Amino acid sequence: MENQIIEVVYHRGLRTEATHLRSGVKLVTDAPVDNNGKGQSFSPTDLVCSALCSCMMTIMGILAEREGIDLNGMTGKVVKIMSANPRKIETVKIQLEHKSLVASEEQKEKLKRAALTCPVALSLNENVQQEIEFLF
């Protein structure tokens, strides 16, 4: 497989270990307790929701650096809501907060637009509700 960036190995007990090949950084997933797992690490669906928040913050960071805005210390809180039949992510709620953001209203609107059009947000199926709250 060309351009492989991640290798994932399945381990017993509904656990996987993903390795980022360039850096060697490892990430472990575990099935959640409500789906036969131990819940001792991120579940794959937790990672999807976390990836959405991280991608939003990263794209905002790119814009912020270009605009001379300091996003250091911005926090994101994520809530994942699953549906039952079929079991899938129904809603992702994200709260992005920066209590001391120094930016004009125009810059804040640009940051919001950047977050809402990040690659992960655009990649998720339209059936996955994305409820994003900006506190700045």
Protein backbone atom coordinates (compact mmCIF):
# COMPACT_ATOMS: atom_id res chain seq x y z
CA MET A 1 0.00 0.00 0.00
CA GLU A 2 1.52 3.32 -1.05
CA ASN A 3 1.78 6.32 1.25
CA GLN A 4 0.86 4.33 4.34
CA ILE A 5 0.88 6.68 7.35
CA ILE A 6 -0.64 4.53 10.09
CA GLU A 7 -0.39 0.86 10.99
CA VAL A 8 -3.06 -0.66 13.22
CA VAL A 9 -2.76 -3.98 15.07
CA TYR A 10 -5.69 -5.77 16.70
CA HIS A 11 -5.04 -7.18 20.17
CA ARG A 12 -7.28 -9.46 22.20
CA GLY A 13 -10.00 -7.97 24.31
CA LEU A 14 -11.38 -5.53 21.71
CA ARG A 15 -8.22 -3.41 21.78
CA THR A 16 -6.21 -1.94 18.90
CA GLU A 17 -2.88 -0.18 18.75
CA ALA A 18 -2.28 2.35 15.99
CA THR A 19 1.24 3.55 15.19
CA HIS A 20 1.93 6.78 13.34
CA LEU A 21 4.75 5.49 11.16
CA ARG A 22 6.65 8.75 10.69
CA SER A 23 6.90 9.59 14.40
CA GLY A 24 6.44 6.20 16.06
CA VAL A 25 3.73 7.62 18.32
CA LYS A 26 1.24 4.96 19.42
CA LEU A 27 -2.45 5.25 20.20
CA VAL A 28 -4.52 2.54 21.89
CA THR A 29 -8.26 2.11 21.46
CA ASP A 30 -10.61 0.05 23.57
CA ALA A 31 -14.26 -0.78 23.03
CA PRO A 32 -16.55 1.15 25.40
CA VAL A 33 -18.16 -0.58 28.38
CA ASP A 34 -21.62 -0.28 26.79
CA ASN A 35 -20.34 -2.23 23.76
CA ASN A 36 -18.61 -5.22 25.40
CA GLY A 37 -15.33 -3.44 26.10
CA LYS A 38 -13.37 -2.35 29.14
CA GLY A 39 -13.50 1.38 28.36
CA GLN A 40 -9.84 1.78 29.36
CA SER A 41 -8.93 4.07 26.47
CA PHE A 42 -10.51 6.07 23.67
CA SER A 43 -13.02 4.13 21.61
CA PRO A 44 -12.85 4.48 17.82
CA THR A 45 -15.93 6.72 17.88
CA ASP A 46 -14.33 8.83 20.65
CA LEU A 47 -11.42 9.37 18.28
CA VAL A 48 -13.73 10.51 15.48
CA CYS A 49 -15.27 13.13 17.79
CA SER A 50 -11.89 14.13 19.18
CA ALA A 51 -10.55 14.40 15.62
CA LEU A 52 -13.37 16.81 14.77
CA CYS A 53 -12.48 19.07 17.69
CA SER A 54 -8.73 18.84 17.04
CA CYS A 55 -9.18 19.57 13.34
CA MET A 56 -11.34 22.61 14.09
CA MET A 57 -8.74 23.95 16.50
CA THR A 58 -5.90 23.27 14.05
CA ILE A 59 -7.62 25.06 11.14
CA MET A 60 -8.45 27.96 13.46
CA GLY A 61 -4.79 27.97 14.49
CA ILE A 62 -3.64 28.27 10.87
CA LEU A 63 -5.93 31.28 10.39
CA ALA A 64 -4.95 32.76 13.75
CA GLU A 65 -1.23 32.60 12.92
CA ARG A 66 -1.88 34.36 9.61
CA GLU A 67 -3.98 37.04 11.36
CA GLY A 68 -1.64 37.49 14.33
CA ILE A 69 -4.16 36.11 16.84
CA ASP A 70 -2.96 34.17 19.89
CA LEU A 71 -5.10 31.03 20.38
CA ASN A 72 -2.79 29.57 23.03
CA GLY A 73 -4.91 28.16 25.85
CA MET A 74 -8.09 27.65 23.81
CA THR A 75 -9.96 24.59 25.09
CA GLY A 76 -12.40 22.22 23.47
CA LYS A 77 -14.97 20.06 25.22
CA VAL A 78 -16.58 17.17 23.35
CA VAL A 79 -19.81 15.25 23.96
CA LYS A 80 -20.60 12.21 21.83
CA ILE A 81 -24.17 10.94 21.52
CA MET A 82 -24.65 7.47 20.01
CA SER A 83 -27.79 6.04 18.42
CA ALA A 84 -28.80 2.43 18.93
CA ASN A 85 -30.12 0.88 15.71
CA PRO A 86 -27.75 1.04 13.96
CA ARG A 87 -25.08 1.88 16.53
CA LYS A 88 -23.40 5.03 15.22
CA ILE A 89 -22.46 8.57 16.15
CA GLU A 90 -25.67 10.56 16.10
CA THR A 91 -24.49 13.92 17.46
CA VAL A 92 -21.18 15.53 18.31
CA LYS A 93 -21.38 18.54 20.59
CA ILE A 94 -18.26 20.69 20.79
CA GLN A 95 -17.66 23.74 22.92
CA LEU A 96 -14.63 25.82 21.91
CA GLU A 97 -13.61 28.37 24.52
CA HIS A 98 -10.95 31.06 24.80
CA LYS A 99 -11.67 33.35 27.74
CA SER A 100 -9.06 35.98 26.87
CA LEU A 101 -9.16 36.00 23.06
CA VAL A 102 -7.96 39.29 21.62
CA ALA A 103 -9.58 39.55 18.18
CA SER A 104 -11.99 41.78 16.29
CA GLU A 105 -15.56 40.63 15.65
CA GLU A 106 -14.60 40.11 12.00
CA GLN A 107 -11.67 37.90 13.02
CA LYS A 108 -13.88 35.93 15.40
CA GLU A 109 -16.33 35.26 12.56
CA LYS A 110 -13.46 34.11 10.33
CA LEU A 111 -12.31 31.75 13.08
CA LYS A 112 -15.82 30.30 13.40
CA ARG A 113 -16.12 29.78 9.63
CA ALA A 114 -12.70 28.14 9.54
CA ALA A 115 -13.70 25.71 12.29
CA LEU A 116 -17.00 24.78 10.65
CA THR A 117 -15.30 24.02 7.33
CA CYS A 118 -12.37 21.96 8.63
CA PRO A 119 -11.61 18.75 6.69
CA VAL A 120 -13.06 16.43 9.35
CA ALA A 121 -16.29 18.43 9.59
CA LEU A 122 -16.66 18.26 5.82
CA SER A 123 -15.85 14.53 5.77
CA LEU A 124 -18.51 13.43 8.26
CA ASN A 125 -21.80 12.16 6.87
CA GLU A 126 -24.53 14.79 6.92
CA ASN A 127 -26.52 12.49 9.24
CA VAL A 128 -24.00 13.17 12.00
CA GLN A 129 -25.26 16.30 13.77
CA GLN A 130 -22.49 18.75 14.61
CA GLU A 131 -23.48 21.19 17.36
CA ILE A 132 -20.65 23.68 17.81
CA GLU A 133 -20.59 26.42 20.45
CA PHE A 134 -17.99 29.18 20.44
CA LEU A 135 -17.26 30.95 23.72
CA PHE A 136 -15.07 33.91 22.89
